[in-house]
N, C-alpha and C. Protein backbone atom coordinates (compact mmCIF):
# COMPACT_ATOMS: atom_id res chain seq x y z
N UNK A 1 -48.79 13.19 -5.78
CA UNK A 1 -47.93 15.13 -5.32
C UNK A 1 -47.35 14.60 -4.29
N UNK A 2 -47.44 13.50 -3.25
CA UNK A 2 -47.70 12.69 -1.84
C UNK A 2 -46.26 11.67 -2.22
N UNK A 3 -46.27 11.36 -3.32
CA UNK A 3 -44.91 10.42 -3.50
C UNK A 3 -43.44 11.53 -3.84
N UNK A 4 -43.76 12.41 -4.65
CA UNK A 4 -42.80 12.74 -5.27
C UNK A 4 -42.20 13.80 -3.75
N UNK A 5 -42.22 13.49 -3.28
CA UNK A 5 -42.54 14.39 -1.79
C UNK A 5 -41.50 13.10 -1.13
N UNK A 6 -42.20 12.00 -0.92
CA UNK A 6 -41.59 11.19 -0.46
C UNK A 6 -40.21 10.51 -1.21
N UNK A 7 -40.40 10.13 -1.98
CA UNK A 7 -38.96 9.46 -2.85
C UNK A 7 -37.96 10.78 -2.76
N UNK A 8 -38.38 11.92 -2.49
CA UNK A 8 -37.14 12.95 -2.32
C UNK A 8 -36.53 12.86 -0.64
N UNK A 9 -37.19 11.70 0.57
CA UNK A 9 -36.43 12.34 1.56
C UNK A 9 -35.28 10.43 1.81
N UNK A 10 -35.63 10.20 0.07
CA UNK A 10 -34.84 8.12 0.13
C UNK A 10 -33.30 8.86 -0.29
N UNK A 11 -32.61 7.97 0.42
CA UNK A 11 -30.89 8.47 -0.85
C UNK A 11 -30.94 7.86 -2.15
N UNK A 12 -30.08 8.90 -2.15
CA UNK A 12 -30.20 8.58 -4.08
C UNK A 12 -28.57 7.96 -3.77
N UNK A 13 -28.80 6.21 -4.00
CA UNK A 13 -28.24 4.95 -4.12
C UNK A 13 -26.73 5.59 -4.63
N UNK A 14 -27.33 5.82 -6.09
CA UNK A 14 -25.75 5.57 -7.37
C UNK A 14 -25.06 6.83 -6.43
N UNK A 15 -26.53 8.05 -6.16
CA UNK A 15 -25.35 9.64 -5.82
C UNK A 15 -24.47 9.20 -4.62
N UNK A 16 -24.61 8.89 -3.58
CA UNK A 16 -24.23 8.40 -2.47
C UNK A 16 -23.05 7.14 -2.54
N UNK A 17 -23.05 6.02 -3.42
CA UNK A 17 -21.72 5.42 -3.92
C UNK A 17 -21.09 5.99 -4.16
N UNK A 18 -21.58 7.06 -5.18
CA UNK A 18 -20.38 7.67 -6.48
C UNK A 18 -19.10 8.34 -5.32
N UNK A 19 -20.55 9.03 -4.32
CA UNK A 19 -19.74 10.03 -3.18
C UNK A 19 -18.48 9.14 -2.52
N UNK A 20 -19.62 8.54 -2.26
CA UNK A 20 -18.83 7.61 -1.07
C UNK A 20 -17.27 6.31 -1.82
N UNK A 21 -17.42 6.28 -3.21
CA UNK A 21 -15.96 5.86 -3.73
C UNK A 21 -15.00 7.16 -3.58
N UNK A 22 -15.40 8.04 -4.10
CA UNK A 22 -14.55 9.10 -4.38
C UNK A 22 -14.02 9.10 -3.16
N UNK A 23 -14.27 10.35 -1.68
CA UNK A 23 -13.89 9.73 -0.94
C UNK A 23 -12.68 8.85 -0.51
N UNK A 24 -13.37 7.18 -1.00
CA UNK A 24 -12.43 6.21 -0.55
C UNK A 24 -11.17 6.65 -1.26
N UNK A 25 -11.18 6.79 -1.89
CA UNK A 25 -10.09 7.25 -3.05
C UNK A 25 -9.14 8.16 -2.64
N UNK A 26 -9.85 9.36 -2.33
CA UNK A 26 -9.57 10.14 -1.47
C UNK A 26 -8.15 10.36 -0.08
N UNK A 27 -9.04 9.65 0.34
CA UNK A 27 -8.29 9.01 2.11
C UNK A 27 -7.09 8.17 1.73
N UNK A 28 -7.81 6.66 0.72
CA UNK A 28 -6.67 5.99 0.75
C UNK A 28 -5.54 6.27 -0.09
N UNK A 29 -5.33 7.14 -1.31
CA UNK A 29 -4.93 7.79 -1.48
C UNK A 29 -3.62 8.79 -0.66
N UNK A 30 -4.32 9.25 0.14
CA UNK A 30 -3.84 10.04 1.38
C UNK A 30 -3.31 9.60 1.88
N UNK A 31 -3.94 8.38 2.64
CA UNK A 31 -3.02 7.37 2.75
C UNK A 31 -1.55 6.81 2.88
N UNK A 32 -1.91 6.71 1.59
CA UNK A 32 -0.64 5.74 0.68
C UNK A 32 0.15 7.01 0.77
N UNK A 33 0.34 7.90 0.55
CA UNK A 33 1.34 9.04 0.53
C UNK A 33 2.00 9.50 1.93
N UNK A 34 1.35 9.04 2.76
CA UNK A 34 1.87 9.41 4.01
C UNK A 34 3.26 8.53 4.24
N UNK A 35 2.48 7.08 4.55
CA UNK A 35 2.98 5.54 4.47
C UNK A 35 3.87 5.97 3.73
N UNK A 36 4.40 6.44 2.20
CA UNK A 36 5.29 6.10 1.82
C UNK A 36 6.37 7.36 2.54
N UNK A 37 6.04 8.87 2.57
CA UNK A 37 6.96 9.68 2.94
C UNK A 37 7.62 9.58 4.20
N UNK A 38 7.08 8.52 5.00
CA UNK A 38 7.21 7.97 5.83
C UNK A 38 8.66 7.32 6.20
N UNK A 39 8.19 5.86 4.98
CA UNK A 39 9.42 4.99 5.31
C UNK A 39 10.67 5.36 4.58
N UNK A 40 10.54 6.69 3.06
CA UNK A 40 11.66 7.04 3.16
C UNK A 40 12.38 8.22 3.51
N UNK A 41 12.15 8.78 4.41
CA UNK A 41 11.99 9.72 5.69
C UNK A 41 12.97 9.14 6.34
N UNK A 42 12.27 7.57 7.03
CA UNK A 42 13.49 6.15 7.58
C UNK A 42 14.95 6.38 7.16
N UNK A 43 15.00 5.54 6.06
CA UNK A 43 15.92 5.21 4.98
C UNK A 43 17.11 6.40 5.13
N UNK A 44 17.89 6.54 6.03
CA UNK A 44 19.18 7.27 6.03
C UNK A 44 20.35 6.81 4.51
N UNK A 45 20.74 7.73 3.92
CA UNK A 45 21.93 7.27 2.74
C UNK A 45 23.48 8.29 3.39
N UNK A 46 24.34 6.78 3.52
CA UNK A 46 24.81 6.56 4.40
C UNK A 46 25.95 5.16 3.96
N UNK A 47 27.04 4.79 3.87
CA UNK A 47 28.20 4.14 3.27
C UNK A 47 27.88 2.88 4.55
N UNK A 48 27.75 3.31 6.09
CA UNK A 48 27.59 2.69 6.52
C UNK A 48 26.70 1.04 6.62
N UNK A 49 26.70 0.70 7.54
CA UNK A 49 25.41 -0.67 6.93
C UNK A 49 24.43 -0.35 8.38
N UNK A 50 23.67 -0.27 8.14
CA UNK A 50 22.59 -0.08 9.76
C UNK A 50 22.44 -1.40 10.54
N UNK A 51 22.75 -1.31 11.82
CA UNK A 51 21.78 -2.35 12.63
C UNK A 51 20.85 -3.10 12.32
N UNK A 52 20.35 -4.13 11.92
CA UNK A 52 19.84 -5.25 12.08
C UNK A 52 18.51 -5.04 13.10
N UNK A 53 16.88 -4.49 12.30
CA UNK A 53 15.74 -3.98 13.31
C UNK A 53 16.07 -2.63 13.01
N UNK A 54 16.29 -1.71 12.80
CA UNK A 54 15.91 -0.37 12.31
C UNK A 54 16.29 -0.05 10.42
N UNK A 55 15.47 0.71 9.27
CA UNK A 55 15.63 1.09 8.91
C UNK A 55 16.76 1.12 7.42
N UNK A 56 17.21 0.47 6.61
CA UNK A 56 18.11 0.19 5.72
C UNK A 56 19.32 1.27 6.08
N UNK A 57 19.87 1.02 5.54
CA UNK A 57 20.81 2.28 5.26
C UNK A 57 21.00 2.34 3.36
N UNK A 58 20.63 3.47 2.99
CA UNK A 58 20.30 3.81 0.86
C UNK A 58 21.98 3.82 0.65
N UNK A 59 22.96 3.26 0.11
CA UNK A 59 24.00 3.37 -0.16
C UNK A 59 23.96 4.88 -1.58
N UNK A 60 22.88 3.96 -2.75
CA UNK A 60 22.95 4.66 -3.38
C UNK A 60 22.01 5.10 -3.97
N UNK A 61 20.41 5.25 -3.37
CA UNK A 61 20.12 5.82 -3.34
C UNK A 61 18.13 5.91 -3.80
N UNK A 62 18.95 4.08 -4.77
CA UNK A 62 17.20 4.15 -5.41
C UNK A 62 16.04 2.99 -4.85
N UNK A 63 16.86 2.44 -3.21
CA UNK A 63 15.47 2.48 -2.65
C UNK A 63 14.34 3.20 -1.58
N UNK A 64 15.15 4.51 -1.46
CA UNK A 64 14.38 5.47 -1.16
C UNK A 64 13.88 5.85 -2.67
N UNK A 65 13.98 6.07 -3.27
CA UNK A 65 13.76 6.76 -5.11
C UNK A 65 12.56 5.83 -5.60
N UNK A 66 12.53 4.56 -5.49
CA UNK A 66 12.06 3.65 -5.83
C UNK A 66 10.22 3.38 -4.71
N UNK A 67 9.82 4.42 -4.01
CA UNK A 67 8.75 3.56 -3.02
C UNK A 67 7.60 4.49 -3.39
N UNK A 68 6.76 3.33 -4.05
CA UNK A 68 5.68 4.04 -4.62
C UNK A 68 4.79 3.69 -4.20
N UNK A 69 3.89 4.61 -4.48
CA UNK A 69 2.58 4.26 -3.51
C UNK A 69 0.97 4.07 -5.15
N UNK A 70 -0.28 3.04 -5.11
CA UNK A 70 -1.10 3.20 -6.09
C UNK A 70 -2.17 3.11 -5.36
N UNK A 71 -2.98 3.97 -5.98
CA UNK A 71 -4.42 3.08 -5.55
C UNK A 71 -5.35 1.99 -6.41
N UNK A 72 -5.61 1.20 -6.24
CA UNK A 72 -6.36 0.06 -6.68
C UNK A 72 -7.96 0.06 -6.76
N UNK A 73 -8.37 0.67 -7.98
CA UNK A 73 -10.09 1.33 -7.94
C UNK A 73 -11.20 0.09 -8.23
N UNK A 74 -10.61 -1.35 -8.28
CA UNK A 74 -10.89 -2.98 -8.28
C UNK A 74 -11.11 -3.07 -7.15
N UNK A 75 -10.27 -2.93 -6.49
CA UNK A 75 -10.79 -3.68 -4.62
C UNK A 75 -10.16 -2.00 -3.94
N UNK A 76 -10.57 -0.94 -4.45
CA UNK A 76 -10.83 -0.07 -3.41
C UNK A 76 -9.69 -0.03 -2.45
N UNK A 77 -8.60 -0.28 -3.35
CA UNK A 77 -7.12 -0.10 -1.43
C UNK A 77 -6.36 0.21 -2.55
N UNK A 78 -4.79 0.35 -1.58
CA UNK A 78 -3.29 1.16 -2.51
C UNK A 78 -2.31 -0.01 -1.62
N UNK A 79 -2.03 0.50 -2.37
CA UNK A 79 -1.15 -0.50 -2.91
C UNK A 79 0.05 0.83 -2.56
N UNK A 80 1.30 0.00 -1.17
CA UNK A 80 2.47 0.61 -1.15
C UNK A 80 3.74 0.04 -0.78
N UNK A 81 5.03 0.38 -1.45
CA UNK A 81 6.23 -0.54 -1.05
C UNK A 81 7.18 -0.04 -2.52
N UNK A 82 8.46 -0.66 -2.52
CA UNK A 82 8.48 -0.08 -3.32
C UNK A 82 9.48 -1.45 -4.52
N UNK A 83 9.82 -0.63 -5.53
CA UNK A 83 9.22 -1.42 -6.92
C UNK A 83 10.51 -2.13 -6.91
N UNK A 84 10.20 -3.61 -8.05
CA UNK A 84 11.27 -3.88 -7.93
C UNK A 84 12.27 -3.98 -8.60
N UNK A 85 13.71 -3.52 -8.09
CA UNK A 85 14.53 -3.10 -9.63
C UNK A 85 15.26 -4.08 -10.49
N UNK A 86 15.45 -3.36 -11.57
CA UNK A 86 16.61 -5.00 -12.50
C UNK A 86 17.43 -4.84 -12.20
N UNK A 87 17.60 -5.97 -12.70
CA UNK A 87 19.33 -6.54 -12.77
C UNK A 87 20.08 -7.44 -11.74
N UNK A 88 21.21 -7.69 -10.85
CA UNK A 88 21.08 -8.74 -11.21
C UNK A 88 21.03 -8.49 -9.47
N UNK A 89 20.09 -9.36 -8.79
CA UNK A 89 19.74 -9.48 -7.67
C UNK A 89 19.05 -8.42 -7.30
N UNK A 90 18.76 -7.72 -7.39
CA UNK A 90 18.46 -6.16 -7.16
C UNK A 90 16.58 -6.67 -7.54
N UNK A 91 15.95 -7.45 -7.44
CA UNK A 91 14.81 -8.19 -7.28
C UNK A 91 14.70 -7.90 -5.96
N UNK A 92 16.00 -8.74 -5.15
CA UNK A 92 15.38 -9.92 -4.63
C UNK A 92 15.44 -8.40 -3.54
N UNK A 93 16.14 -7.62 -3.24
CA UNK A 93 16.07 -6.59 -2.04
C UNK A 93 15.25 -5.90 -1.47
N UNK A 94 14.66 -5.24 -1.62
CA UNK A 94 13.77 -4.78 -0.85
C UNK A 94 13.08 -6.02 -0.13
N UNK A 95 12.25 -7.12 -0.43
CA UNK A 95 12.16 -8.52 0.51
C UNK A 95 12.98 -9.05 1.39
N UNK A 96 13.98 -8.48 1.52
CA UNK A 96 14.98 -9.23 2.01
C UNK A 96 15.46 -8.61 2.91
N UNK A 97 15.11 -7.05 2.72
CA UNK A 97 15.87 -5.84 3.48
C UNK A 97 14.70 -5.67 4.66
N UNK A 98 13.47 -5.78 4.66
CA UNK A 98 12.24 -5.84 5.04
C UNK A 98 12.46 -7.00 6.28
N UNK A 99 12.20 -8.53 5.89
CA UNK A 99 12.01 -9.28 5.60
C UNK A 99 13.36 -10.24 6.24
N UNK A 100 14.42 -10.12 5.85
CA UNK A 100 15.57 -10.77 5.90
C UNK A 100 15.22 -12.48 5.54
N UNK A 101 16.58 -12.69 5.31
CA UNK A 101 16.00 -14.36 4.69
C UNK A 101 18.05 -14.17 4.00
N UNK A 102 17.73 -16.08 3.41
CA UNK A 102 18.86 -16.64 2.65
C UNK A 102 18.28 -15.96 1.11
N UNK A 103 19.64 -15.86 0.70
CA UNK A 103 19.49 -15.53 -1.10
C UNK A 103 21.06 -15.70 -1.82
N UNK A 104 20.86 -16.01 -3.00
CA UNK A 104 22.43 -17.17 -3.77
C UNK A 104 23.08 -16.28 -4.40
N UNK A 105 24.04 -15.12 -3.80
CA UNK A 105 24.73 -13.94 -4.42
C UNK A 105 25.53 -14.81 -5.69
N UNK A 106 25.62 -13.80 -7.21
CA UNK A 106 26.39 -14.23 -8.19
C UNK A 106 27.17 -13.20 -8.56
N UNK A 107 28.58 -13.98 -8.15
CA UNK A 107 30.08 -12.74 -8.06
C UNK A 107 31.27 -13.15 -9.20
N UNK A 108 31.61 -12.59 -10.02
CA UNK A 108 32.48 -13.33 -11.02
C UNK A 108 32.36 -14.69 -11.32
N UNK A 109 31.70 -15.11 -11.42
CA UNK A 109 31.36 -16.52 -12.08
C UNK A 109 30.78 -17.39 -10.62
N UNK A 110 30.81 -16.97 -9.30
CA UNK A 110 30.95 -17.60 -8.35
C UNK A 110 29.64 -17.57 -7.54
N UNK A 111 29.54 -18.26 -6.93
CA UNK A 111 28.18 -18.07 -5.99
C UNK A 111 28.91 -18.13 -4.34
N UNK A 112 27.41 -17.71 -3.87
CA UNK A 112 27.80 -17.31 -2.55
C UNK A 112 26.44 -17.74 -1.96
N UNK A 113 25.99 -18.14 -0.62
CA UNK A 113 24.79 -17.95 0.23
C UNK A 113 24.93 -16.71 0.54
N UNK A 114 24.46 -15.50 1.26
CA UNK A 114 24.07 -14.85 2.03
C UNK A 114 22.80 -14.95 2.60
N UNK A 115 23.36 -14.78 4.03
CA UNK A 115 21.94 -14.51 4.75
C UNK A 115 21.87 -12.85 5.13
N UNK A 116 20.30 -12.44 5.32
CA UNK A 116 20.48 -11.30 5.82
C UNK A 116 19.50 -10.99 6.73
N UNK A 117 19.97 -10.18 7.69
CA UNK A 117 18.70 -9.95 9.08
C UNK A 117 17.95 -8.76 7.97
N UNK A 118 16.58 -8.71 8.76
CA UNK A 118 15.01 -7.97 8.60
C UNK A 118 15.82 -6.74 9.05
N UNK A 119 15.68 -6.01 8.50
CA UNK A 119 15.44 -4.47 8.24
C UNK A 119 14.75 -3.29 8.20
N UNK A 120 13.29 -3.25 9.06
CA UNK A 120 12.12 -3.36 8.53
C UNK A 120 11.91 -2.31 8.15
N UNK A 121 11.42 -0.77 7.48
CA UNK A 121 11.04 -0.10 6.92
C UNK A 121 9.91 0.18 6.04
N UNK A 122 8.84 -0.75 5.66
CA UNK A 122 7.99 -0.42 5.48
C UNK A 122 6.81 -0.46 6.59
N UNK A 123 6.97 -1.79 7.23
CA UNK A 123 5.90 -2.56 7.87
C UNK A 123 5.94 -0.70 9.75
N UNK A 124 6.84 -0.62 9.14
CA UNK A 124 6.87 0.68 10.68
C UNK A 124 6.53 1.56 10.42
N UNK A 125 6.85 2.51 9.27
CA UNK A 125 5.78 3.05 7.95
C UNK A 125 4.18 3.37 8.47
N UNK A 126 4.04 2.29 7.72
CA UNK A 126 2.66 1.92 7.98
C UNK A 126 1.63 1.62 9.52
N UNK A 127 1.97 1.14 10.02
CA UNK A 127 2.15 1.23 12.00
C UNK A 127 2.31 2.47 12.33
N UNK A 128 3.60 3.38 11.98
CA UNK A 128 3.31 4.76 12.30
C UNK A 128 1.85 5.51 12.04
N UNK A 129 1.53 5.57 10.74
CA UNK A 129 0.72 6.02 9.51
C UNK A 129 -1.32 5.53 10.03
N UNK A 130 -1.09 4.14 9.96
CA UNK A 130 -2.31 3.26 10.98
C UNK A 130 -3.16 4.10 11.60
N UNK A 131 -2.34 4.45 12.96
CA UNK A 131 -3.31 5.70 13.89
C UNK A 131 -3.93 6.52 13.48
N UNK A 132 -3.77 7.30 12.28
CA UNK A 132 -4.12 8.81 11.11
C UNK A 132 -5.37 8.26 10.83
N UNK A 133 -5.98 6.85 10.55
CA UNK A 133 -6.02 6.80 9.54
C UNK A 133 -8.60 6.89 9.64
N UNK A 134 -8.00 6.73 10.85
CA UNK A 134 -9.96 7.38 11.53
C UNK A 134 -9.52 8.22 11.52
N UNK A 135 -9.40 9.29 11.96
CA UNK A 135 -9.42 10.72 11.59
C UNK A 135 -9.14 11.40 9.89
N UNK A 136 -8.62 10.75 9.17
CA UNK A 136 -8.30 10.95 7.75
C UNK A 136 -10.54 10.92 7.35
N UNK A 137 -10.91 9.67 8.30
CA UNK A 137 -11.97 8.83 7.24
C UNK A 137 -13.36 10.34 8.09
N UNK A 138 -13.02 10.75 8.51
CA UNK A 138 -14.15 11.37 9.38
C UNK A 138 -14.17 12.37 8.56
N UNK A 139 -15.92 12.47 8.67
CA UNK A 139 -16.41 13.11 7.65
C UNK A 139 -16.15 13.75 6.01
N UNK A 140 -15.26 12.26 5.92
CA UNK A 140 -14.56 12.26 4.34
C UNK A 140 -15.81 12.59 3.48
N UNK A 141 -16.78 11.77 3.87
CA UNK A 141 -18.02 11.77 2.50
C UNK A 141 -18.73 13.26 2.40
N UNK A 142 -19.40 13.67 1.79
CA UNK A 142 -19.78 15.02 2.16
C UNK A 142 -21.03 14.61 0.44
């Protein structure tokens, strides 16, 4: 009889880890959604080119539309960012916009080297929302 009462006082390891896992998924998914939304809002749809150091302009709306997030259960993490677009040089565009760099453009059978200056949009969105993460974790495991 005494053993029964004592064992009830200990944590049920499986139940605690299950609840912590659900809370992790919920918090990280919410964080991913906030970062995605902040990044989307920072990209303006306009014809003009944005100045270096500012978020890029979206001329056709593809960059803005193809920013996603996903919870990765195996690593208990969230992946946030633009999808690689199919087509000529489109797969290189998001990293070039975020970090800057050089690439070779192919147009009309000609090759031309182009240098891009960084126009970060994901890193600033992450930094803004990173401050909210501790308050998201508060009382998340119930």
